[in-house]
């Protein structure tokens, strides 16, 4: 297979991995205020997200280095897109409920 095709396939995989990783980070941060154990939520989320990402990158690297290069590009693109979407308010916000989540003015 041509290296260009492999880079493009890797980029698609990287986009999917980036959406999973950074989307999972957003999901985690949205639920921290309502959690009774925020440290546990953050720790488990970090381990799961990092483990899935690392495993997928190892699989891609073993298949072909062009896939890994494309995945790196896809991860960077996903990070930029999700960061801008969060800054512009395009990601839905979850209303926190529970003790200590009252809006203070």
PDB file of N, CA and C in Angstrom:
ATOM      1  N   UNK A   1       0.841  -1.171   0.000  1.00  0.00           N
ATOM      2  CA  UNK A   1       0.000   0.000   0.000  1.00  0.00           C
ATOM      3  C   UNK A   1       0.891   1.240   0.000  1.00  0.00           C
ATOM      4  N   UNK A   2       0.467   2.263  -0.665  1.00  0.00           N
ATOM      5  CA  UNK A   2       1.229   3.500  -0.754  1.00  0.00           C
ATOM      6  C   UNK A   2       1.333   4.170   0.623  1.00  0.00           C
ATOM      7  N   UNK A   3       2.451   4.822   0.879  1.00  0.00           N
ATOM      8  CA  UNK A   3       2.636   5.478   2.171  1.00  0.00           C
ATOM      9  C   UNK A   3       1.665   6.637   2.362  1.00  0.00           C
ATOM     10  N   UNK A   4       1.231   7.258   1.271  1.00  0.00           N
ATOM     11  CA  UNK A   4       0.267   8.356   1.373  1.00  0.00           C
ATOM     12  C   UNK A   4      -1.069   7.830   1.899  1.00  0.00           C
ATOM     13  N   UNK A   5      -1.500   6.711   1.382  1.00  0.00           N
ATOM     14  CA  UNK A   5      -2.749   6.099   1.838  1.00  0.00           C
ATOM     15  C   UNK A   5      -2.633   5.706   3.304  1.00  0.00           C
ATOM     16  N   UNK A   6      -1.480   5.177   3.691  1.00  0.00           N
ATOM     17  CA  UNK A   6      -1.272   4.794   5.086  1.00  0.00           C
ATOM     18  C   UNK A   6      -1.307   6.014   6.008  1.00  0.00           C
ATOM     19  N   UNK A   7      -0.720   7.113   5.581  1.00  0.00           N
ATOM     20  CA  UNK A   7      -0.747   8.333   6.399  1.00  0.00           C
ATOM     21  C   UNK A   7      -2.180   8.840   6.548  1.00  0.00           C
ATOM     22  N   UNK A   8      -2.941   8.806   5.461  1.00  0.00           N
ATOM     23  CA  UNK A   8      -4.338   9.251   5.522  1.00  0.00           C
ATOM     24  C   UNK A   8      -5.158   8.338   6.433  1.00  0.00           C
ATOM     25  N   UNK A   9      -4.974   7.041   6.330  1.00  0.00           N
ATOM     26  CA  UNK A   9      -5.671   6.102   7.220  1.00  0.00           C
ATOM     27  C   UNK A   9      -5.267   6.329   8.673  1.00  0.00           C
ATOM     28  N   UNK A  10      -3.983   6.579   8.885  1.00  0.00           N
ATOM     29  CA  UNK A  10      -3.505   6.879  10.232  1.00  0.00           C
ATOM     30  C   UNK A  10      -4.112   8.165  10.764  1.00  0.00           C
ATOM     31  N   UNK A  11      -4.280   9.144   9.885  1.00  0.00           N
ATOM     32  CA  UNK A  11      -4.881  10.417  10.282  1.00  0.00           C
ATOM     33  C   UNK A  11      -6.335  10.214  10.703  1.00  0.00           C
ATOM     34  N   UNK A  12      -7.047   9.401   9.987  1.00  0.00           N
ATOM     35  CA  UNK A  12      -8.435   9.088  10.353  1.00  0.00           C
ATOM     36  C   UNK A  12      -8.472   8.388  11.711  1.00  0.00           C
ATOM     37  N   UNK A  13      -7.570   7.442  11.902  1.00  0.00           N
ATOM     38  CA  UNK A  13      -7.490   6.752  13.192  1.00  0.00           C
ATOM     39  C   UNK A  13      -7.124   7.732  14.298  1.00  0.00           C
ATOM     40  N   UNK A  14      -6.195   8.645  14.021  1.00  0.00           N
ATOM     41  CA  UNK A  14      -5.799   9.649  15.003  1.00  0.00           C
ATOM     42  C   UNK A  14      -6.932  10.590  15.362  1.00  0.00           C
ATOM     43  N   UNK A  15      -7.741  10.964  14.368  1.00  0.00           N
ATOM     44  CA  UNK A  15      -8.913  11.795  14.638  1.00  0.00           C
ATOM     45  C   UNK A  15      -9.880  11.083  15.583  1.00  0.00           C
ATOM     46  N   UNK A  16     -10.115   9.809  15.300  1.00  0.00           N
ATOM     47  CA  UNK A  16     -11.016   9.029  16.158  1.00  0.00           C
ATOM     48  C   UNK A  16     -10.441   8.896  17.567  1.00  0.00           C
ATOM     49  N   UNK A  17      -9.158   8.621  17.665  1.00  0.00           N
ATOM     50  CA  UNK A  17      -8.517   8.506  18.974  1.00  0.00           C
ATOM     51  C   UNK A  17      -8.523   9.838  19.714  1.00  0.00           C
ATOM     52  N   UNK A  18      -8.293  10.914  18.978  1.00  0.00           N
ATOM     53  CA  UNK A  18      -8.306  12.236  19.585  1.00  0.00           C
ATOM     54  C   UNK A  18      -9.685  12.613  20.101  1.00  0.00           C
ATOM     55  N   UNK A  19     -10.705  12.301  19.322  1.00  0.00           N
ATOM     56  CA  UNK A  19     -12.072  12.564  19.771  1.00  0.00           C
ATOM     57  C   UNK A  19     -12.390  11.756  21.023  1.00  0.00           C
ATOM     58  N   UNK A  20     -11.928  10.527  21.062  1.00  0.00           N
ATOM     59  CA  UNK A  20     -12.131   9.679  22.237  1.00  0.00           C
ATOM     60  C   UNK A  20     -11.372  10.235  23.442  1.00  0.00           C
ATOM     61  N   UNK A  21     -10.099  10.579  23.249  1.00  0.00           N
ATOM     62  CA  UNK A  21      -9.261  11.035  24.355  1.00  0.00           C
ATOM     63  C   UNK A  21      -9.728  12.396  24.881  1.00  0.00           C
ATOM     64  N   UNK A  22      -9.826  13.383  24.009  1.00  0.00           N
ATOM     65  CA  UNK A  22     -10.181  14.728  24.444  1.00  0.00           C
ATOM     66  C   UNK A  22     -11.668  14.856  24.756  1.00  0.00           C
ATOM     67  N   UNK A  23     -12.494  14.084  24.057  1.00  0.00           N
ATOM     68  CA  UNK A  23     -13.910  14.038  24.414  1.00  0.00           C
ATOM     69  C   UNK A  23     -14.110  13.422  25.794  1.00  0.00           C
ATOM     70  N   UNK A  24     -13.324  12.400  26.097  1.00  0.00           N
ATOM     71  CA  UNK A  24     -13.368  11.800  27.428  1.00  0.00           C
ATOM     72  C   UNK A  24     -12.892  12.764  28.507  1.00  0.00           C
ATOM     73  N   UNK A  25     -11.908  13.568  28.183  1.00  0.00           N
ATOM     74  CA  UNK A  25     -11.431  14.588  29.121  1.00  0.00           C
ATOM     75  C   UNK A  25     -12.527  15.615  29.389  1.00  0.00           C
ATOM     76  N   UNK A  26     -13.199  16.069  28.334  1.00  0.00           N
ATOM     77  CA  UNK A  26     -14.294  17.020  28.496  1.00  0.00           C
ATOM     78  C   UNK A  26     -15.408  16.405  29.339  1.00  0.00           C
ATOM     79  N   UNK A  27     -15.769  15.167  29.031  1.00  0.00           N
ATOM     80  CA  UNK A  27     -16.821  14.468  29.769  1.00  0.00           C
ATOM     81  C   UNK A  27     -16.463  14.381  31.248  1.00  0.00           C
ATOM     82  N   UNK A  28     -15.208  14.075  31.531  1.00  0.00           N
ATOM     83  CA  UNK A  28     -14.751  13.965  32.918  1.00  0.00           C
ATOM     84  C   UNK A  28     -14.853  15.301  33.639  1.00  0.00           C
ATOM     85  N   UNK A  29     -14.370  16.355  33.032  1.00  0.00           N
ATOM     86  CA  UNK A  29     -14.388  17.653  33.698  1.00  0.00           C
ATOM     87  C   UNK A  29     -15.804  18.161  33.918  1.00  0.00           C
ATOM     88  N   UNK A  30     -16.726  17.792  33.059  1.00  0.00           N
ATOM     89  CA  UNK A  30     -18.118  18.213  33.225  1.00  0.00           C
ATOM     90  C   UNK A  30     -18.771  17.536  34.426  1.00  0.00           C
ATOM     91  N   UNK A  31     -18.296  16.406  34.822  1.00  0.00           N
ATOM     92  CA  UNK A  31     -18.918  15.656  35.906  1.00  0.00           C
ATOM     93  C   UNK A  31     -18.208  15.806  37.247  1.00  0.00           C
ATOM     94  N   UNK A  32     -17.154  16.570  37.307  1.00  0.00           N
ATOM     95  CA  UNK A  32     -16.395  16.689  38.552  1.00  0.00           C
ATOM     96  C   UNK A  32     -17.184  17.365  39.665  1.00  0.00           C
ATOM     97  N   UNK A  33     -17.922  18.412  39.346  1.00  0.00           N
ATOM     98  CA  UNK A  33     -18.646  19.147  40.381  1.00  0.00           C
ATOM     99  C   UNK A  33     -19.706  18.289  41.066  1.00  0.00           C
ATOM    100  N   UNK A  34     -20.304  17.376  40.341  1.00  0.00           N
ATOM    101  CA  UNK A  34     -21.360  16.530  40.901  1.00  0.00           C
ATOM    102  C   UNK A  34     -20.817  15.259  41.553  1.00  0.00           C
ATOM    103  N   UNK A  35     -19.522  15.028  41.442  1.00  0.00           N
ATOM    104  CA  UNK A  35     -18.942  13.793  41.958  1.00  0.00           C
ATOM    105  C   UNK A  35     -18.606  13.913  43.440  1.00  0.00           C
ATOM    106  N   UNK A  36     -18.854  12.837  44.163  1.00  0.00           N
ATOM    107  CA  UNK A  36     -18.473  12.821  45.574  1.00  0.00           C
ATOM    108  C   UNK A  36     -17.000  12.444  45.749  1.00  0.00           C
ATOM    109  N   UNK A  37     -16.391  11.884  44.686  1.00  0.00           N
ATOM    110  CA  UNK A  37     -14.976  11.504  44.722  1.00  0.00           C
ATOM    111  C   UNK A  37     -14.292  11.991  43.443  1.00  0.00           C
ATOM    112  N   UNK A  38     -14.056  13.285  43.328  1.00  0.00           N
ATOM    113  CA  UNK A  38     -13.492  13.822  42.088  1.00  0.00           C
ATOM    114  C   UNK A  38     -12.094  13.301  41.773  1.00  0.00           C
ATOM    115  N   UNK A  39     -11.279  13.052  42.777  1.00  0.00           N
ATOM    116  CA  UNK A  39      -9.928  12.545  42.524  1.00  0.00           C
ATOM    117  C   UNK A  39      -9.974  11.158  41.881  1.00  0.00           C
ATOM    118  N   UNK A  40     -10.891  10.340  42.331  1.00  0.00           N
ATOM    119  CA  UNK A  40     -11.045   9.006  41.754  1.00  0.00           C
ATOM    120  C   UNK A  40     -11.530   9.093  40.308  1.00  0.00           C
ATOM    121  N   UNK A  41     -12.472   9.992  40.049  1.00  0.00           N
ATOM    122  CA  UNK A  41     -13.001  10.166  38.694  1.00  0.00           C
ATOM    123  C   UNK A  41     -11.884  10.592  37.743  1.00  0.00           C
ATOM    124  N   UNK A  42     -11.089  11.577  38.164  1.00  0.00           N
ATOM    125  CA  UNK A  42      -9.998  12.067  37.324  1.00  0.00           C
ATOM    126  C   UNK A  42      -8.955  10.979  37.109  1.00  0.00           C
ATOM    127  N   UNK A  43      -8.602  10.260  38.159  1.00  0.00           N
ATOM    128  CA  UNK A  43      -7.572   9.216  38.056  1.00  0.00           C
ATOM    129  C   UNK A  43      -7.992   8.081  37.135  1.00  0.00           C
ATOM    130  N   UNK A  44      -9.198   7.600  37.306  1.00  0.00           N
ATOM    131  CA  UNK A  44      -9.685   6.496  36.468  1.00  0.00           C
ATOM    132  C   UNK A  44      -9.805   6.951  35.020  1.00  0.00           C
ATOM    133  N   UNK A  45     -10.327   8.153  34.819  1.00  0.00           N
ATOM    134  CA  UNK A  45     -10.456   8.679  33.463  1.00  0.00           C
ATOM    135  C   UNK A  45      -9.096   8.783  32.777  1.00  0.00           C
ATOM    136  N   UNK A  46      -8.123   9.314  33.500  1.00  0.00           N
ATOM    137  CA  UNK A  46      -6.783   9.452  32.931  1.00  0.00           C
ATOM    138  C   UNK A  46      -6.192   8.092  32.567  1.00  0.00           C
ATOM    139  N   UNK A  47      -6.314   7.128  33.458  1.00  0.00           N
ATOM    140  CA  UNK A  47      -5.755   5.799  33.184  1.00  0.00           C
ATOM    141  C   UNK A  47      -6.434   5.129  31.994  1.00  0.00           C
ATOM    142  N   UNK A  48      -7.749   5.227  31.920  1.00  0.00           N
ATOM    143  CA  UNK A  48      -8.476   4.586  30.817  1.00  0.00           C
ATOM    144  C   UNK A  48      -8.155   5.268  29.495  1.00  0.00           C
ATOM    145  N   UNK A  49      -8.239   6.610  29.469  1.00  0.00           N
ATOM    146  CA  UNK A  49      -7.987   7.338  28.228  1.00  0.00           C
ATOM    147  C   UNK A  49      -6.555   7.135  27.743  1.00  0.00           C
ATOM    148  N   UNK A  50      -5.597   7.222  28.649  1.00  0.00           N
ATOM    149  CA  UNK A  50      -4.197   7.058  28.272  1.00  0.00           C
ATOM    150  C   UNK A  50      -3.907   5.625  27.855  1.00  0.00           C
ATOM    151  N   UNK A  51      -4.496   4.663  28.555  1.00  0.00           N
ATOM    152  CA  UNK A  51      -4.276   3.257  28.208  1.00  0.00           C
ATOM    153  C   UNK A  51      -4.797   2.916  26.817  1.00  0.00           C
ATOM    154  N   UNK A  52      -5.999   3.382  26.515  1.00  0.00           N
ATOM    155  CA  UNK A  52      -6.578   3.123  25.187  1.00  0.00           C
ATOM    156  C   UNK A  52      -5.738   3.792  24.106  1.00  0.00           C
ATOM    157  N   UNK A  53      -5.350   5.042  24.336  1.00  0.00           N
ATOM    158  CA  UNK A  53      -4.546   5.770  23.353  1.00  0.00           C
ATOM    159  C   UNK A  53      -3.187   5.101  23.146  1.00  0.00           C
ATOM    160  N   UNK A  54      -2.526   4.743  24.225  1.00  0.00           N
ATOM    161  CA  UNK A  54      -1.206   4.120  24.110  1.00  0.00           C
ATOM    162  C   UNK A  54      -1.287   2.774  23.388  1.00  0.00           C
ATOM    163  N   UNK A  55      -2.279   1.976  23.728  1.00  0.00           N
ATOM    164  CA  UNK A  55      -2.445   0.678  23.072  1.00  0.00           C
ATOM    165  C   UNK A  55      -2.691   0.847  21.581  1.00  0.00           C
ATOM    166  N   UNK A  56      -3.559   1.781  21.223  1.00  0.00           N
ATOM    167  CA  UNK A  56      -3.856   2.012  19.805  1.00  0.00           C
ATOM    168  C   UNK A  56      -2.616   2.513  19.054  1.00  0.00           C
ATOM    169  N   UNK A  57      -1.844   3.402  19.674  1.00  0.00           N
ATOM    170  CA  UNK A  57      -0.638   3.906  19.013  1.00  0.00           C
ATOM    171  C   UNK A  57       0.414   2.809  18.841  1.00  0.00           C
ATOM    172  N   UNK A  58       0.531   1.922  19.799  1.00  0.00           N
ATOM    173  CA  UNK A  58       1.462   0.802  19.665  1.00  0.00           C
ATOM    174  C   UNK A  58       1.037  -0.111  18.519  1.00  0.00           C
ATOM    175  N   UNK A  59      -0.265  -0.384  18.424  1.00  0.00           N
ATOM    176  CA  UNK A  59      -0.764  -1.230  17.333  1.00  0.00           C
ATOM    177  C   UNK A  59      -0.482  -0.578  15.983  1.00  0.00           C
ATOM    178  N   UNK A  60      -0.727   0.736  15.883  1.00  0.00           N
ATOM    179  CA  UNK A  60      -0.465   1.443  14.627  1.00  0.00           C
ATOM    180  C   UNK A  60       1.025   1.454  14.295  1.00  0.00           C
ATOM    181  N   UNK A  61       1.860   1.664  15.296  1.00  0.00           N
ATOM    182  CA  UNK A  61       3.304   1.714  15.069  1.00  0.00           C
ATOM    183  C   UNK A  61       3.845   0.359  14.620  1.00  0.00           C
ATOM    184  N   UNK A  62       3.305  -0.706  15.184  1.00  0.00           N
ATOM    185  CA  UNK A  62       3.758  -2.046  14.774  1.00  0.00           C
ATOM    186  C   UNK A  62       3.329  -2.387  13.353  1.00  0.00           C
ATOM    187  N   UNK A  63       2.182  -1.834  12.948  1.00  0.00           N
ATOM    188  CA  UNK A  63       1.703  -2.108  11.593  1.00  0.00           C
ATOM    189  C   UNK A  63       2.563  -1.381  10.564  1.00  0.00           C
ATOM    190  N   UNK A  64       2.749  -0.068  10.766  1.00  0.00           N
ATOM    191  CA  UNK A  64       3.577   0.719   9.843  1.00  0.00           C
ATOM    192  C   UNK A  64       3.806   2.087  10.456  1.00  0.00           C
ATOM    193  N   UNK A  65       5.007   2.606  10.313  1.00  0.00           N
ATOM    194  CA  UNK A  65       5.321   3.900  10.901  1.00  0.00           C
ATOM    195  C   UNK A  65       4.531   5.024  10.232  1.00  0.00           C
ATOM    196  N   UNK A  66       4.125   4.854   8.991  1.00  0.00           N
ATOM    197  CA  UNK A  66       3.311   5.862   8.310  1.00  0.00           C
ATOM    198  C   UNK A  66       1.954   6.016   8.990  1.00  0.00           C
ATOM    199  N   UNK A  67       1.411   4.934   9.496  1.00  0.00           N
ATOM    200  CA  UNK A  67       0.160   4.998  10.248  1.00  0.00           C
ATOM    201  C   UNK A  67       0.344   5.814  11.521  1.00  0.00           C
ATOM    202  N   UNK A  68       1.472   5.634  12.166  1.00  0.00           N
ATOM    203  CA  UNK A  68       1.761   6.366  13.395  1.00  0.00           C
ATOM    204  C   UNK A  68       1.900   7.866  13.129  1.00  0.00           C
ATOM    205  N   UNK A  69       2.577   8.209  12.060  1.00  0.00           N
ATOM    206  CA  UNK A  69       2.733   9.620  11.695  1.00  0.00           C
ATOM    207  C   UNK A  69       1.365  10.248  11.420  1.00  0.00           C
ATOM    208  N   UNK A  70       0.540   9.566  10.653  1.00  0.00           N
ATOM    209  CA  UNK A  70      -0.801  10.064  10.372  1.00  0.00           C
ATOM    210  C   UNK A  70      -1.638  10.182  11.631  1.00  0.00           C
ATOM    211  N   UNK A  71      -1.502   9.225  12.545  1.00  0.00           N
ATOM    212  CA  UNK A  71      -2.254   9.267  13.791  1.00  0.00           C
ATOM    213  C   UNK A  71      -1.849  10.474  14.633  1.00  0.00           C
ATOM    214  N   UNK A  72      -0.571  10.799  14.639  1.00  0.00           N
ATOM    215  CA  UNK A  72      -0.105  11.972  15.384  1.00  0.00           C
ATOM    216  C   UNK A  72      -0.740  13.248  14.819  1.00  0.00           C
ATOM    217  N   UNK A  73      -0.785  13.340  13.507  1.00  0.00           N
ATOM    218  CA  UNK A  73      -1.411  14.504  12.866  1.00  0.00           C
ATOM    219  C   UNK A  73      -2.905  14.549  13.208  1.00  0.00           C
ATOM    220  N   UNK A  74      -3.563  13.418  13.148  1.00  0.00           N
ATOM    221  CA  UNK A  74      -4.988  13.352  13.477  1.00  0.00           C
ATOM    222  C   UNK A  74      -5.270  13.731  14.922  1.00  0.00           C
ATOM    223  N   UNK A  75      -4.405  13.300  15.841  1.00  0.00           N
ATOM    224  CA  UNK A  75      -4.567  13.673  17.244  1.00  0.00           C
ATOM    225  C   UNK A  75      -4.462  15.181  17.440  1.00  0.00           C
ATOM    226  N   UNK A  76      -3.502  15.791  16.774  1.00  0.00           N
ATOM    227  CA  UNK A  76      -3.321  17.236  16.885  1.00  0.00           C
ATOM    228  C   UNK A  76      -4.534  17.978  16.318  1.00  0.00           C
ATOM    229  N   UNK A  77      -5.040  17.514  15.194  1.00  0.00           N
ATOM    230  CA  UNK A  77      -6.218  18.148  14.585  1.00  0.00           C
ATOM    231  C   UNK A  77      -7.428  18.014  15.517  1.00  0.00           C
ATOM    232  N   UNK A  78      -7.625  16.829  16.084  1.00  0.00           N
ATOM    233  CA  UNK A  78      -8.756  16.619  16.993  1.00  0.00           C
ATOM    234  C   UNK A  78      -8.643  17.526  18.216  1.00  0.00           C
ATOM    235  N   UNK A  79      -7.449  17.691  18.735  1.00  0.00           N
ATOM    236  CA  UNK A  79      -7.243  18.576  19.887  1.00  0.00           C
ATOM    237  C   UNK A  79      -7.610  20.013  19.542  1.00  0.00           C
ATOM    238  N   UNK A  80      -7.161  20.478  18.398  1.00  0.00           N
ATOM    239  CA  UNK A  80      -7.449  21.852  17.985  1.00  0.00           C
ATOM    240  C   UNK A  80      -8.954  22.048  17.797  1.00  0.00           C
ATOM    241  N   UNK A  81      -9.596  21.112  17.113  1.00  0.00           N
ATOM    242  CA  UNK A  81     -11.034  21.229  16.837  1.00  0.00           C
ATOM    243  C   UNK A  81     -11.840  21.220  18.132  1.00  0.00           C
ATOM    244  N   UNK A  82     -11.557  20.285  19.021  1.00  0.00           N
ATOM    245  CA  UNK A  82     -12.328  20.201  20.263  1.00  0.00           C
ATOM    246  C   UNK A  82     -12.042  21.378  21.189  1.00  0.00           C
ATOM    247  N   UNK A  83     -10.811  21.864  21.207  1.00  0.00           N
ATOM    248  CA  UNK A  83     -10.485  23.024  22.034  1.00  0.00           C
ATOM    249  C   UNK A  83     -11.240  24.256  21.549  1.00  0.00           C
ATOM    250  N   UNK A  84     -11.241  24.477  20.253  1.00  0.00           N
ATOM    251  CA  UNK A  84     -11.976  25.626  19.708  1.00  0.00           C
ATOM    252  C   UNK A  84     -13.471  25.485  19.924  1.00  0.00           C
ATOM    253  N   UNK A  85     -13.992  24.274  19.799  1.00  0.00           N
ATOM    254  CA  UNK A  85     -15.424  24.061  20.027  1.00  0.00           C
ATOM    255  C   UNK A  85     -15.777  24.348  21.485  1.00  0.00           C
ATOM    256  N   UNK A  86     -14.919  23.966  22.407  1.00  0.00           N
ATOM    257  CA  UNK A  86     -15.177  24.224  23.820  1.00  0.00           C
ATOM    258  C   UNK A  86     -15.091  25.709  24.127  1.00  0.00           C
ATOM    259  N   UNK A  87     -14.116  26.396  23.557  1.00  0.00           N
ATOM    260  CA  UNK A  87     -13.962  27.833  23.791  1.00  0.00           C
ATOM    261  C   UNK A  87     -15.146  28.610  23.227  1.00  0.00           C
ATOM    262  N   UNK A  88     -15.614  28.213  22.069  1.00  0.00           N
ATOM    263  CA  UNK A  88     -16.733  28.912  21.420  1.00  0.00           C
ATOM    264  C   UNK A  88     -18.092  28.489  21.961  1.00  0.00           C
ATOM    265  N   UNK A  89     -18.121  27.581  22.914  1.00  0.00           N
ATOM    266  CA  UNK A  89     -19.374  27.154  23.526  1.00  0.00           C
ATOM    267  C   UNK A  89     -20.188  26.213  22.677  1.00  0.00           C
ATOM    268  N   UNK A  90     -19.550  25.524  21.756  1.00  0.00           N
ATOM    269  CA  UNK A  90     -20.285  24.601  20.883  1.00  0.00           C
ATOM    270  C   UNK A  90     -20.452  23.217  21.491  1.00  0.00           C
ATOM    271  N   UNK A  91     -19.756  22.946  22.573  1.00  0.00           N
ATOM    272  CA  UNK A  91     -19.936  21.677  23.262  1.00  0.00           C
ATOM    273  C   UNK A  91     -20.998  21.878  24.329  1.00  0.00           C
ATOM    274  N   UNK A  92     -21.916  20.934  24.471  1.00  0.00           N
ATOM    275  CA  UNK A  92     -22.968  21.109  25.475  1.00  0.00           C
ATOM    276  C   UNK A  92     -22.390  21.089  26.885  1.00  0.00           C
ATOM    277  N   UNK A  93     -22.941  21.927  27.729  1.00  0.00           N
ATOM    278  CA  UNK A  93     -22.509  21.985  29.118  1.00  0.00           C
ATOM    279  C   UNK A  93     -23.490  21.185  29.956  1.00  0.00           C
ATOM    280  N   UNK A  94     -22.973  20.453  30.902  1.00  0.00           N
ATOM    281  CA  UNK A  94     -23.808  19.667  31.792  1.00  0.00           C
ATOM    282  C   UNK A  94     -24.016  20.473  33.058  1.00  0.00           C
ATOM    283  N   UNK A  95     -25.249  20.686  33.411  1.00  0.00           N
ATOM    284  CA  UNK A  95     -25.538  21.434  34.631  1.00  0.00           C
ATOM    285  C   UNK A  95     -25.233  20.552  35.823  1.00  0.00           C
ATOM    286  N   UNK A  96     -24.332  21.029  36.651  1.00  0.00           N
ATOM    287  CA  UNK A  96     -23.951  20.265  37.837  1.00  0.00           C
ATOM    288  C   UNK A  96     -25.037  20.407  38.890  1.00  0.00           C
ATOM    289  N   UNK A  97     -25.284  19.325  39.598  1.00  0.00           N
ATOM    290  CA  UNK A  97     -26.231  19.378  40.692  1.00  0.00           C
ATOM    291  C   UNK A  97     -25.606  18.681  41.883  1.00  0.00           C
ATOM    292  N   UNK A  98     -25.979  19.129  43.028  1.00  0.00           N
ATOM    293  CA  UNK A  98     -25.422  18.535  44.222  1.00  0.00           C
ATOM    294  C   UNK A  98     -24.926  19.614  45.155  1.00  0.00           C
ATOM    295  N   UNK A  99     -24.382  19.197  46.286  1.00  0.00           N
ATOM    296  CA  UNK A  99     -23.914  20.172  47.264  1.00  0.00           C
ATOM    297  C   UNK A  99     -22.745  20.989  46.711  1.00  0.00           C
ATOM    298  N   UNK A 100     -22.802  22.275  46.970  1.00  0.00           N
ATOM    299  CA  UNK A 100     -21.696  23.146  46.571  1.00  0.00           C
ATOM    300  C   UNK A 100     -21.743  23.585  45.127  1.00  0.00           C
ATOM    301  N   UNK A 101     -22.837  23.347  44.418  1.00  0.00           N
ATOM    302  CA  UNK A 101     -22.896  23.721  43.003  1.00  0.00           C
ATOM    303  C   UNK A 101     -23.841  24.902  42.757  1.00  0.00           C
ATOM    304  N   UNK A 102     -24.257  25.572  43.843  1.00  0.00           N
ATOM    305  CA  UNK A 102     -25.135  26.719  43.681  1.00  0.00           C
ATOM    306  C   UNK A 102     -24.354  27.838  42.988  1.00  0.00           C
ATOM    307  N   UNK A 103     -25.060  28.616  42.198  1.00  0.00           N
ATOM    308  CA  UNK A 103     -24.439  29.756  41.525  1.00  0.00           C
ATOM    309  C   UNK A 103     -24.399  30.908  42.512  1.00  0.00           C
ATOM    310  N   UNK A 104     -23.213  31.432  42.735  1.00  0.00           N
ATOM    311  CA  UNK A 104     -23.051  32.561  43.652  1.00  0.00           C
ATOM    312  C   UNK A 104     -22.911  33.833  42.866  1.00  0.00           C
ATOM    313  N   UNK A 105     -23.561  34.872  43.320  1.00  0.00           N
ATOM    314  CA  UNK A 105     -23.484  36.172  42.649  1.00  0.00           C
ATOM    315  C   UNK A 105     -22.880  37.180  43.570  1.00  0.00           C
TER     316      UNK A 105
END
